[in-house]
Amino acid sequence: MTPRTRSSQVWGWLAVGIGTAIAVIQLSGGDGRTANVALGLALCVAALGVAAFLRPSLVVTDAEIVVHNIMTTSAIALGRLDQIGTRWSLELIGDDGRKVRVFAAPTDRGGQVPVALASALRDASNEWKAEHVSAPVEGPSVATRPDWIGIGLMFVALATAGWALLG
C-alpha cells in the first residue's frame, strides 16, 4: 500500500512542467544576457517540485512502514507501532515513544488524515503482531537515515536559486 495525495502529484508535475517550459523558452529564444536567471529559476522550480511533491511517500510492506520525507527516510517495524496520530498530519509513534511525521500522508479538506488510512495502518500492525507473537523487541522502534537524493535536490534548488539571483 502506498497512499499518495493527488494534489501533490499535480503540483509536483506542474512544477517540473513550469521549470521545463522556462528552460525551453530561454534556450529557444533568449538573448543570453538573462540565461542564468531563467535557467536557474527553471532548475530551482523543477528540483523543488520533485523534492517536495513527487518523492515523499509512505510505503507499507509486509514487515514495516517506510516513510520517505523530503530529506530523510524512516522505517518503523509493524510490530513496534504503538500509536497513530492524525491531528494535522500523520504521525507514527513507536512503542519506545519515537515519532515519525509523514510529510506525504493525504489529508482531507479539513487537514485531517483520513480515518481509513489510519485504520489500515493499525490493522497491518495488529495483523503482524498476531502472526509474530514471540518476535523479540530490540533497538529503537524507528530507524531514520538521510535521504541523499532529497538532500541533493534541495541543494540543487538552493544553488540554482542563488545562481539565478546573484549570478
N, C-alpha and C. Protein backbone atom coordinates (compact mmCIF):
# COMPACT_ATOMS: atom_id res chain seq x y z
N MET A 1 0.85 -1.17 0.00
CA MET A 1 0.00 0.00 0.00
C MET A 1 0.90 1.24 0.00
N THR A 2 0.64 2.16 -0.91
CA THR A 2 1.38 3.42 -0.98
C THR A 2 0.38 4.55 -1.17
N PRO A 3 -0.18 5.07 -0.08
CA PRO A 3 -1.14 6.18 -0.24
C PRO A 3 -0.43 7.45 -0.68
N ARG A 4 -1.03 8.17 -1.59
CA ARG A 4 -0.46 9.43 -2.08
C ARG A 4 -1.59 10.43 -2.24
N THR A 5 -1.23 11.69 -2.11
CA THR A 5 -2.22 12.72 -2.37
C THR A 5 -2.17 13.07 -3.85
N ARG A 6 -3.33 13.16 -4.45
CA ARG A 6 -3.39 13.50 -5.87
C ARG A 6 -2.88 14.92 -6.08
N SER A 7 -3.17 15.82 -5.14
CA SER A 7 -2.74 17.21 -5.31
C SER A 7 -1.22 17.33 -5.30
N SER A 8 -0.53 16.51 -4.50
CA SER A 8 0.94 16.60 -4.50
C SER A 8 1.49 16.14 -5.84
N GLN A 9 0.88 15.15 -6.45
CA GLN A 9 1.32 14.72 -7.77
C GLN A 9 1.07 15.82 -8.81
N VAL A 10 -0.08 16.45 -8.72
CA VAL A 10 -0.40 17.54 -9.66
C VAL A 10 0.59 18.69 -9.49
N TRP A 11 0.81 19.13 -8.24
CA TRP A 11 1.72 20.26 -8.00
C TRP A 11 3.15 19.90 -8.39
N GLY A 12 3.57 18.68 -8.12
CA GLY A 12 4.92 18.26 -8.48
C GLY A 12 5.15 18.28 -9.97
N TRP A 13 4.25 17.66 -10.71
CA TRP A 13 4.40 17.64 -12.17
C TRP A 13 4.20 19.03 -12.76
N LEU A 14 3.37 19.85 -12.17
CA LEU A 14 3.20 21.23 -12.62
C LEU A 14 4.51 22.00 -12.45
N ALA A 15 5.19 21.81 -11.32
CA ALA A 15 6.47 22.48 -11.08
C ALA A 15 7.52 22.03 -12.10
N VAL A 16 7.56 20.73 -12.37
CA VAL A 16 8.50 20.21 -13.36
C VAL A 16 8.16 20.79 -14.74
N GLY A 17 6.88 20.84 -15.07
CA GLY A 17 6.46 21.40 -16.36
C GLY A 17 6.79 22.87 -16.50
N ILE A 18 6.56 23.64 -15.44
CA ILE A 18 6.89 25.07 -15.48
C ILE A 18 8.38 25.26 -15.61
N GLY A 19 9.16 24.49 -14.85
CA GLY A 19 10.61 24.59 -14.95
C GLY A 19 11.09 24.24 -16.35
N THR A 20 10.54 23.20 -16.92
CA THR A 20 10.91 22.80 -18.29
C THR A 20 10.51 23.88 -19.29
N ALA A 21 9.32 24.43 -19.15
CA ALA A 21 8.86 25.48 -20.08
C ALA A 21 9.76 26.71 -20.00
N ILE A 22 10.13 27.11 -18.81
CA ILE A 22 11.03 28.27 -18.66
C ILE A 22 12.36 28.00 -19.36
N ALA A 23 12.91 26.80 -19.15
CA ALA A 23 14.19 26.45 -19.77
C ALA A 23 14.08 26.42 -21.28
N VAL A 24 13.03 25.81 -21.81
CA VAL A 24 12.86 25.70 -23.27
C VAL A 24 12.69 27.08 -23.89
N ILE A 25 11.88 27.93 -23.27
CA ILE A 25 11.68 29.28 -23.79
C ILE A 25 12.98 30.06 -23.79
N GLN A 26 13.74 29.95 -22.72
CA GLN A 26 15.01 30.67 -22.64
C GLN A 26 16.01 30.15 -23.67
N LEU A 27 16.10 28.86 -23.81
CA LEU A 27 17.07 28.29 -24.74
C LEU A 27 16.68 28.50 -26.19
N SER A 28 15.38 28.59 -26.48
CA SER A 28 14.96 28.76 -27.87
C SER A 28 14.94 30.20 -28.34
N GLY A 29 14.75 31.13 -27.42
CA GLY A 29 14.63 32.49 -27.91
C GLY A 29 15.25 33.54 -27.02
N GLY A 30 15.98 33.10 -26.01
CA GLY A 30 16.58 34.05 -25.07
C GLY A 30 17.74 34.81 -25.70
N ASP A 31 18.06 35.96 -25.12
CA ASP A 31 19.14 36.78 -25.66
C ASP A 31 20.50 36.44 -25.03
N GLY A 32 20.53 35.53 -24.08
CA GLY A 32 21.79 35.12 -23.48
C GLY A 32 22.20 35.93 -22.27
N ARG A 33 21.77 37.18 -22.20
CA ARG A 33 22.16 38.02 -21.05
C ARG A 33 21.44 37.62 -19.78
N THR A 34 20.26 37.09 -19.92
CA THR A 34 19.48 36.70 -18.74
C THR A 34 19.36 35.17 -18.62
N ALA A 35 20.23 34.46 -19.29
CA ALA A 35 20.14 32.99 -19.30
C ALA A 35 20.29 32.42 -17.89
N ASN A 36 21.22 32.97 -17.10
CA ASN A 36 21.40 32.41 -15.76
C ASN A 36 20.16 32.60 -14.90
N VAL A 37 19.45 33.70 -15.07
CA VAL A 37 18.23 33.93 -14.28
C VAL A 37 17.16 32.91 -14.66
N ALA A 38 16.91 32.76 -15.94
CA ALA A 38 15.85 31.86 -16.40
C ALA A 38 16.20 30.40 -16.12
N LEU A 39 17.42 29.99 -16.45
CA LEU A 39 17.79 28.60 -16.23
C LEU A 39 17.90 28.27 -14.75
N GLY A 40 18.42 29.21 -13.97
CA GLY A 40 18.48 28.99 -12.52
C GLY A 40 17.10 28.84 -11.92
N LEU A 41 16.19 29.72 -12.33
CA LEU A 41 14.81 29.63 -11.86
C LEU A 41 14.16 28.33 -12.31
N ALA A 42 14.39 27.94 -13.55
CA ALA A 42 13.81 26.71 -14.08
C ALA A 42 14.26 25.49 -13.29
N LEU A 43 15.56 25.39 -13.05
CA LEU A 43 16.09 24.26 -12.29
C LEU A 43 15.62 24.28 -10.84
N CYS A 44 15.54 25.46 -10.27
CA CYS A 44 15.07 25.60 -8.89
C CYS A 44 13.63 25.11 -8.75
N VAL A 45 12.75 25.56 -9.62
CA VAL A 45 11.35 25.19 -9.56
C VAL A 45 11.17 23.68 -9.79
N ALA A 46 11.88 23.14 -10.77
CA ALA A 46 11.76 21.71 -11.05
C ALA A 46 12.29 20.86 -9.90
N ALA A 47 13.45 21.23 -9.35
CA ALA A 47 14.03 20.46 -8.25
C ALA A 47 13.15 20.52 -7.01
N LEU A 48 12.61 21.69 -6.71
CA LEU A 48 11.70 21.80 -5.56
C LEU A 48 10.43 20.98 -5.77
N GLY A 49 9.92 20.98 -6.99
CA GLY A 49 8.72 20.19 -7.28
C GLY A 49 8.94 18.71 -7.07
N VAL A 50 10.08 18.22 -7.53
CA VAL A 50 10.39 16.80 -7.35
C VAL A 50 10.63 16.48 -5.87
N ALA A 51 11.46 17.30 -5.21
CA ALA A 51 11.82 17.03 -3.82
C ALA A 51 10.63 17.13 -2.87
N ALA A 52 9.81 18.14 -3.05
CA ALA A 52 8.73 18.40 -2.08
C ALA A 52 7.42 17.70 -2.41
N PHE A 53 7.18 17.41 -3.69
CA PHE A 53 5.86 16.87 -4.05
C PHE A 53 5.88 15.47 -4.65
N LEU A 54 6.91 15.13 -5.42
CA LEU A 54 6.90 13.84 -6.11
C LEU A 54 7.60 12.72 -5.34
N ARG A 55 8.66 13.01 -4.62
CA ARG A 55 9.44 11.98 -3.93
C ARG A 55 8.87 11.53 -2.59
N PRO A 56 8.33 12.42 -1.75
CA PRO A 56 7.84 11.95 -0.45
C PRO A 56 6.75 10.88 -0.62
N SER A 57 6.87 9.84 0.20
CA SER A 57 5.89 8.77 0.10
C SER A 57 5.81 7.99 1.41
N LEU A 58 4.79 7.20 1.52
CA LEU A 58 4.55 6.30 2.64
C LEU A 58 4.33 4.93 2.02
N VAL A 59 5.19 3.97 2.36
CA VAL A 59 5.11 2.63 1.78
C VAL A 59 4.93 1.62 2.91
N VAL A 60 3.90 0.80 2.81
CA VAL A 60 3.66 -0.24 3.80
C VAL A 60 4.05 -1.57 3.17
N THR A 61 5.04 -2.24 3.79
CA THR A 61 5.47 -3.55 3.32
C THR A 61 4.92 -4.61 4.27
N ASP A 62 5.37 -5.85 4.09
CA ASP A 62 4.90 -6.93 4.96
C ASP A 62 5.41 -6.80 6.39
N ALA A 63 6.53 -6.08 6.60
CA ALA A 63 7.14 -6.04 7.92
C ALA A 63 7.31 -4.64 8.51
N GLU A 64 7.20 -3.61 7.67
CA GLU A 64 7.46 -2.26 8.18
C GLU A 64 6.72 -1.20 7.37
N ILE A 65 6.73 0.00 7.94
CA ILE A 65 6.21 1.17 7.25
C ILE A 65 7.43 2.04 6.97
N VAL A 66 7.62 2.37 5.69
CA VAL A 66 8.77 3.18 5.28
C VAL A 66 8.25 4.55 4.88
N VAL A 67 8.82 5.59 5.50
CA VAL A 67 8.40 6.97 5.27
C VAL A 67 9.54 7.71 4.57
N HIS A 68 9.28 8.13 3.33
CA HIS A 68 10.25 8.93 2.58
C HIS A 68 9.81 10.39 2.67
N ASN A 69 10.44 11.15 3.56
CA ASN A 69 10.17 12.58 3.66
C ASN A 69 11.15 13.31 2.74
N ILE A 70 11.17 14.63 2.77
CA ILE A 70 11.98 15.39 1.83
C ILE A 70 13.46 15.06 1.96
N MET A 71 13.99 15.04 3.19
CA MET A 71 15.42 14.82 3.35
C MET A 71 15.78 13.65 4.25
N THR A 72 14.79 12.88 4.67
CA THR A 72 15.07 11.70 5.49
C THR A 72 14.18 10.53 5.05
N THR A 73 14.67 9.34 5.37
CA THR A 73 13.88 8.13 5.18
C THR A 73 13.83 7.43 6.53
N SER A 74 12.64 7.11 6.99
CA SER A 74 12.46 6.45 8.28
C SER A 74 11.69 5.16 8.08
N ALA A 75 12.00 4.18 8.91
CA ALA A 75 11.27 2.92 8.87
C ALA A 75 10.87 2.56 10.29
N ILE A 76 9.64 2.11 10.43
CA ILE A 76 9.15 1.63 11.73
C ILE A 76 8.56 0.25 11.50
N ALA A 77 9.04 -0.70 12.28
CA ALA A 77 8.54 -2.07 12.16
C ALA A 77 7.07 -2.12 12.55
N LEU A 78 6.29 -2.92 11.83
CA LEU A 78 4.86 -3.02 12.14
C LEU A 78 4.64 -3.50 13.56
N GLY A 79 5.51 -4.35 14.04
CA GLY A 79 5.38 -4.86 15.41
C GLY A 79 5.72 -3.85 16.48
N ARG A 80 6.38 -2.75 16.10
CA ARG A 80 6.77 -1.72 17.07
C ARG A 80 5.86 -0.50 17.03
N LEU A 81 4.89 -0.47 16.12
CA LEU A 81 3.96 0.66 16.03
C LEU A 81 3.02 0.63 17.21
N ASP A 82 3.00 1.72 17.99
CA ASP A 82 2.17 1.78 19.20
C ASP A 82 0.96 2.68 19.02
N GLN A 83 1.17 3.89 18.46
CA GLN A 83 0.08 4.85 18.29
C GLN A 83 0.17 5.50 16.91
N ILE A 84 -0.98 6.00 16.47
CA ILE A 84 -1.05 6.74 15.21
C ILE A 84 -1.74 8.05 15.50
N GLY A 85 -1.01 9.15 15.30
CA GLY A 85 -1.59 10.47 15.47
C GLY A 85 -2.08 11.00 14.14
N THR A 86 -3.24 11.66 14.16
CA THR A 86 -3.83 12.12 12.90
C THR A 86 -4.32 13.56 12.96
N ARG A 87 -3.86 14.33 13.92
CA ARG A 87 -4.42 15.68 14.10
C ARG A 87 -4.17 16.57 12.88
N TRP A 88 -2.94 16.93 12.57
CA TRP A 88 -2.65 17.81 11.44
C TRP A 88 -1.91 17.09 10.34
N SER A 89 -1.22 16.03 10.69
CA SER A 89 -0.57 15.18 9.71
C SER A 89 -0.47 13.80 10.33
N LEU A 90 -0.08 12.85 9.54
CA LEU A 90 0.06 11.50 10.05
C LEU A 90 1.34 11.41 10.86
N GLU A 91 1.22 10.90 12.07
CA GLU A 91 2.37 10.74 12.96
C GLU A 91 2.36 9.31 13.48
N LEU A 92 3.44 8.59 13.22
CA LEU A 92 3.58 7.22 13.68
C LEU A 92 4.44 7.22 14.93
N ILE A 93 3.97 6.58 15.99
CA ILE A 93 4.67 6.59 17.27
C ILE A 93 5.00 5.15 17.65
N GLY A 94 6.28 4.90 17.87
CA GLY A 94 6.74 3.57 18.24
C GLY A 94 6.49 3.25 19.69
N ASP A 95 6.71 2.00 20.06
CA ASP A 95 6.47 1.58 21.44
C ASP A 95 7.47 2.17 22.44
N ASP A 96 8.54 2.80 21.93
CA ASP A 96 9.50 3.47 22.81
C ASP A 96 9.33 5.00 22.80
N GLY A 97 8.26 5.48 22.16
CA GLY A 97 7.96 6.91 22.12
C GLY A 97 8.56 7.66 20.95
N ARG A 98 9.38 7.00 20.14
CA ARG A 98 9.95 7.69 18.98
C ARG A 98 8.86 7.95 17.95
N LYS A 99 8.96 9.13 17.29
CA LYS A 99 7.91 9.56 16.36
C LYS A 99 8.46 9.74 14.95
N VAL A 100 7.58 9.50 13.99
CA VAL A 100 7.87 9.79 12.59
C VAL A 100 6.68 10.57 12.06
N ARG A 101 6.93 11.77 11.57
CA ARG A 101 5.88 12.56 10.92
C ARG A 101 5.94 12.27 9.43
N VAL A 102 4.78 12.04 8.84
CA VAL A 102 4.70 11.65 7.44
C VAL A 102 4.30 12.85 6.60
N PHE A 103 5.27 13.39 5.86
CA PHE A 103 5.03 14.56 5.02
C PHE A 103 4.06 14.24 3.89
N ALA A 104 4.10 13.03 3.38
CA ALA A 104 3.33 12.67 2.19
C ALA A 104 1.93 12.14 2.46
N ALA A 105 1.55 12.03 3.71
CA ALA A 105 0.25 11.44 4.02
C ALA A 105 -0.89 12.33 3.51
N PRO A 106 -1.86 11.73 2.87
CA PRO A 106 -3.00 12.50 2.40
C PRO A 106 -3.85 13.02 3.57
N THR A 107 -4.46 14.17 3.37
CA THR A 107 -5.39 14.73 4.36
C THR A 107 -6.66 15.14 3.64
N ASP A 108 -7.73 15.29 4.41
CA ASP A 108 -8.97 15.76 3.82
C ASP A 108 -8.98 17.29 3.80
N ARG A 109 -10.07 17.88 3.38
CA ARG A 109 -10.14 19.34 3.26
C ARG A 109 -9.99 20.06 4.59
N GLY A 110 -10.25 19.38 5.67
CA GLY A 110 -10.11 19.99 6.99
C GLY A 110 -8.73 19.79 7.60
N GLY A 111 -7.83 19.19 6.82
CA GLY A 111 -6.47 18.97 7.31
C GLY A 111 -6.31 17.71 8.14
N GLN A 112 -7.34 16.88 8.19
CA GLN A 112 -7.29 15.66 8.97
C GLN A 112 -6.86 14.48 8.09
N VAL A 113 -6.07 13.58 8.66
CA VAL A 113 -5.70 12.35 7.97
C VAL A 113 -6.94 11.46 7.91
N PRO A 114 -7.24 10.90 6.75
CA PRO A 114 -8.44 10.05 6.66
C PRO A 114 -8.39 8.88 7.64
N VAL A 115 -9.53 8.61 8.26
CA VAL A 115 -9.65 7.52 9.22
C VAL A 115 -9.31 6.19 8.55
N ALA A 116 -9.65 6.04 7.28
CA ALA A 116 -9.39 4.78 6.58
C ALA A 116 -7.88 4.49 6.50
N LEU A 117 -7.07 5.51 6.29
CA LEU A 117 -5.62 5.32 6.23
C LEU A 117 -5.07 4.91 7.59
N ALA A 118 -5.46 5.64 8.63
CA ALA A 118 -5.01 5.30 9.97
C ALA A 118 -5.47 3.89 10.36
N SER A 119 -6.69 3.53 10.02
CA SER A 119 -7.21 2.19 10.32
C SER A 119 -6.44 1.11 9.57
N ALA A 120 -6.11 1.37 8.31
CA ALA A 120 -5.36 0.40 7.51
C ALA A 120 -3.97 0.17 8.10
N LEU A 121 -3.32 1.24 8.56
CA LEU A 121 -2.01 1.11 9.18
C LEU A 121 -2.10 0.35 10.50
N ARG A 122 -3.12 0.68 11.30
CA ARG A 122 -3.30 -0.01 12.58
C ARG A 122 -3.62 -1.49 12.34
N ASP A 123 -4.46 -1.78 11.33
CA ASP A 123 -4.80 -3.18 11.02
C ASP A 123 -3.57 -3.96 10.58
N ALA A 124 -2.72 -3.34 9.75
CA ALA A 124 -1.49 -4.00 9.30
C ALA A 124 -0.60 -4.31 10.50
N SER A 125 -0.49 -3.37 11.41
CA SER A 125 0.33 -3.57 12.61
C SER A 125 -0.24 -4.67 13.49
N ASN A 126 -1.55 -4.65 13.73
CA ASN A 126 -2.19 -5.67 14.57
C ASN A 126 -2.08 -7.06 13.94
N GLU A 127 -2.22 -7.13 12.62
CA GLU A 127 -2.10 -8.41 11.92
C GLU A 127 -0.67 -8.95 12.06
N TRP A 128 0.32 -8.09 11.90
CA TRP A 128 1.72 -8.53 12.04
C TRP A 128 1.97 -9.01 13.47
N LYS A 129 1.48 -8.27 14.45
CA LYS A 129 1.68 -8.65 15.85
C LYS A 129 1.02 -10.00 16.17
N ALA A 130 -0.15 -10.25 15.59
CA ALA A 130 -0.85 -11.51 15.82
C ALA A 130 -0.09 -12.69 15.21
N GLU A 131 0.54 -12.47 14.07
CA GLU A 131 1.29 -13.54 13.40
C GLU A 131 2.67 -13.77 14.01
N HIS A 132 3.21 -12.79 14.69
CA HIS A 132 4.58 -12.87 15.23
C HIS A 132 4.55 -12.59 16.73
N VAL A 133 3.81 -13.37 17.47
CA VAL A 133 3.60 -13.13 18.90
C VAL A 133 4.91 -13.15 19.68
N SER A 134 5.81 -14.04 19.34
CA SER A 134 7.04 -14.19 20.12
C SER A 134 8.24 -13.45 19.51
N ALA A 135 8.00 -12.51 18.62
CA ALA A 135 9.10 -11.79 17.99
C ALA A 135 9.82 -10.92 19.03
N PRO A 136 11.17 -11.00 19.09
CA PRO A 136 11.90 -10.21 20.07
C PRO A 136 11.90 -8.72 19.72
N VAL A 137 11.96 -7.89 20.75
CA VAL A 137 12.00 -6.43 20.57
C VAL A 137 13.42 -5.97 20.86
N GLU A 138 14.08 -5.43 19.85
CA GLU A 138 15.46 -4.98 20.02
C GLU A 138 15.64 -3.61 19.38
N GLY A 139 16.44 -2.77 20.00
CA GLY A 139 16.81 -1.48 19.43
C GLY A 139 15.66 -0.49 19.39
N PRO A 140 15.91 0.65 18.75
CA PRO A 140 14.88 1.68 18.66
C PRO A 140 13.76 1.26 17.70
N SER A 141 12.57 1.79 17.94
CA SER A 141 11.42 1.43 17.11
C SER A 141 11.47 2.09 15.73
N VAL A 142 12.17 3.21 15.64
CA VAL A 142 12.23 3.96 14.38
C VAL A 142 13.69 4.09 13.95
N ALA A 143 13.97 3.73 12.72
CA ALA A 143 15.31 3.91 12.15
C ALA A 143 15.22 5.02 11.11
N THR A 144 15.96 6.10 11.31
CA THR A 144 15.94 7.23 10.39
C THR A 144 17.33 7.43 9.82
N ARG A 145 17.39 7.66 8.51
CA ARG A 145 18.66 7.93 7.85
C ARG A 145 18.47 9.06 6.84
N PRO A 146 19.57 9.71 6.46
CA PRO A 146 19.45 10.79 5.47
C PRO A 146 19.00 10.23 4.12
N ASP A 147 18.21 10.99 3.42
CA ASP A 147 17.82 10.65 2.06
C ASP A 147 18.68 11.52 1.14
N TRP A 148 19.76 10.96 0.64
CA TRP A 148 20.75 11.75 -0.09
C TRP A 148 20.21 12.30 -1.40
N ILE A 149 19.26 11.64 -2.01
CA ILE A 149 18.66 12.18 -3.25
C ILE A 149 17.85 13.43 -2.91
N GLY A 150 17.05 13.36 -1.86
CA GLY A 150 16.28 14.54 -1.44
C GLY A 150 17.18 15.69 -1.03
N ILE A 151 18.24 15.38 -0.28
CA ILE A 151 19.19 16.42 0.12
C ILE A 151 19.85 17.02 -1.11
N GLY A 152 20.22 16.19 -2.07
CA GLY A 152 20.82 16.68 -3.31
C GLY A 152 19.87 17.57 -4.09
N LEU A 153 18.60 17.18 -4.17
CA LEU A 153 17.62 18.01 -4.88
C LEU A 153 17.44 19.37 -4.20
N MET A 154 17.41 19.37 -2.87
CA MET A 154 17.28 20.65 -2.16
C MET A 154 18.52 21.51 -2.36
N PHE A 155 19.71 20.89 -2.40
CA PHE A 155 20.94 21.63 -2.67
C PHE A 155 20.90 22.23 -4.07
N VAL A 156 20.46 21.44 -5.05
CA VAL A 156 20.35 21.94 -6.43
C VAL A 156 19.37 23.12 -6.47
N ALA A 157 18.25 23.00 -5.78
CA ALA A 157 17.26 24.08 -5.78
C ALA A 157 17.86 25.35 -5.18
N LEU A 158 18.54 25.23 -4.05
CA LEU A 158 19.14 26.42 -3.42
C LEU A 158 20.28 26.99 -4.26
N ALA A 159 21.11 26.12 -4.80
CA ALA A 159 22.25 26.59 -5.59
C ALA A 159 21.78 27.28 -6.87
N THR A 160 20.79 26.71 -7.54
CA THR A 160 20.32 27.33 -8.77
C THR A 160 19.53 28.62 -8.49
N ALA A 161 18.85 28.68 -7.35
CA ALA A 161 18.19 29.95 -6.97
C ALA A 161 19.23 31.01 -6.72
N GLY A 162 20.32 30.65 -6.05
CA GLY A 162 21.43 31.58 -5.84
C GLY A 162 22.05 32.02 -7.13
N TRP A 163 22.22 31.08 -8.06
CA TRP A 163 22.80 31.41 -9.37
C TRP A 163 21.86 32.35 -10.13
N ALA A 164 20.56 32.10 -10.03
CA ALA A 164 19.59 32.96 -10.73
C ALA A 164 19.58 34.37 -10.15
N LEU A 165 19.67 34.47 -8.85
CA LEU A 165 19.57 35.78 -8.21
C LEU A 165 20.89 36.54 -8.16
N LEU A 166 21.99 35.84 -8.02
CA LEU A 166 23.28 36.51 -7.81
C LEU A 166 24.23 36.38 -8.99
N GLY A 167 23.97 35.39 -9.85
CA GLY A 167 24.95 35.07 -10.88
C GLY A 167 24.91 35.90 -12.07
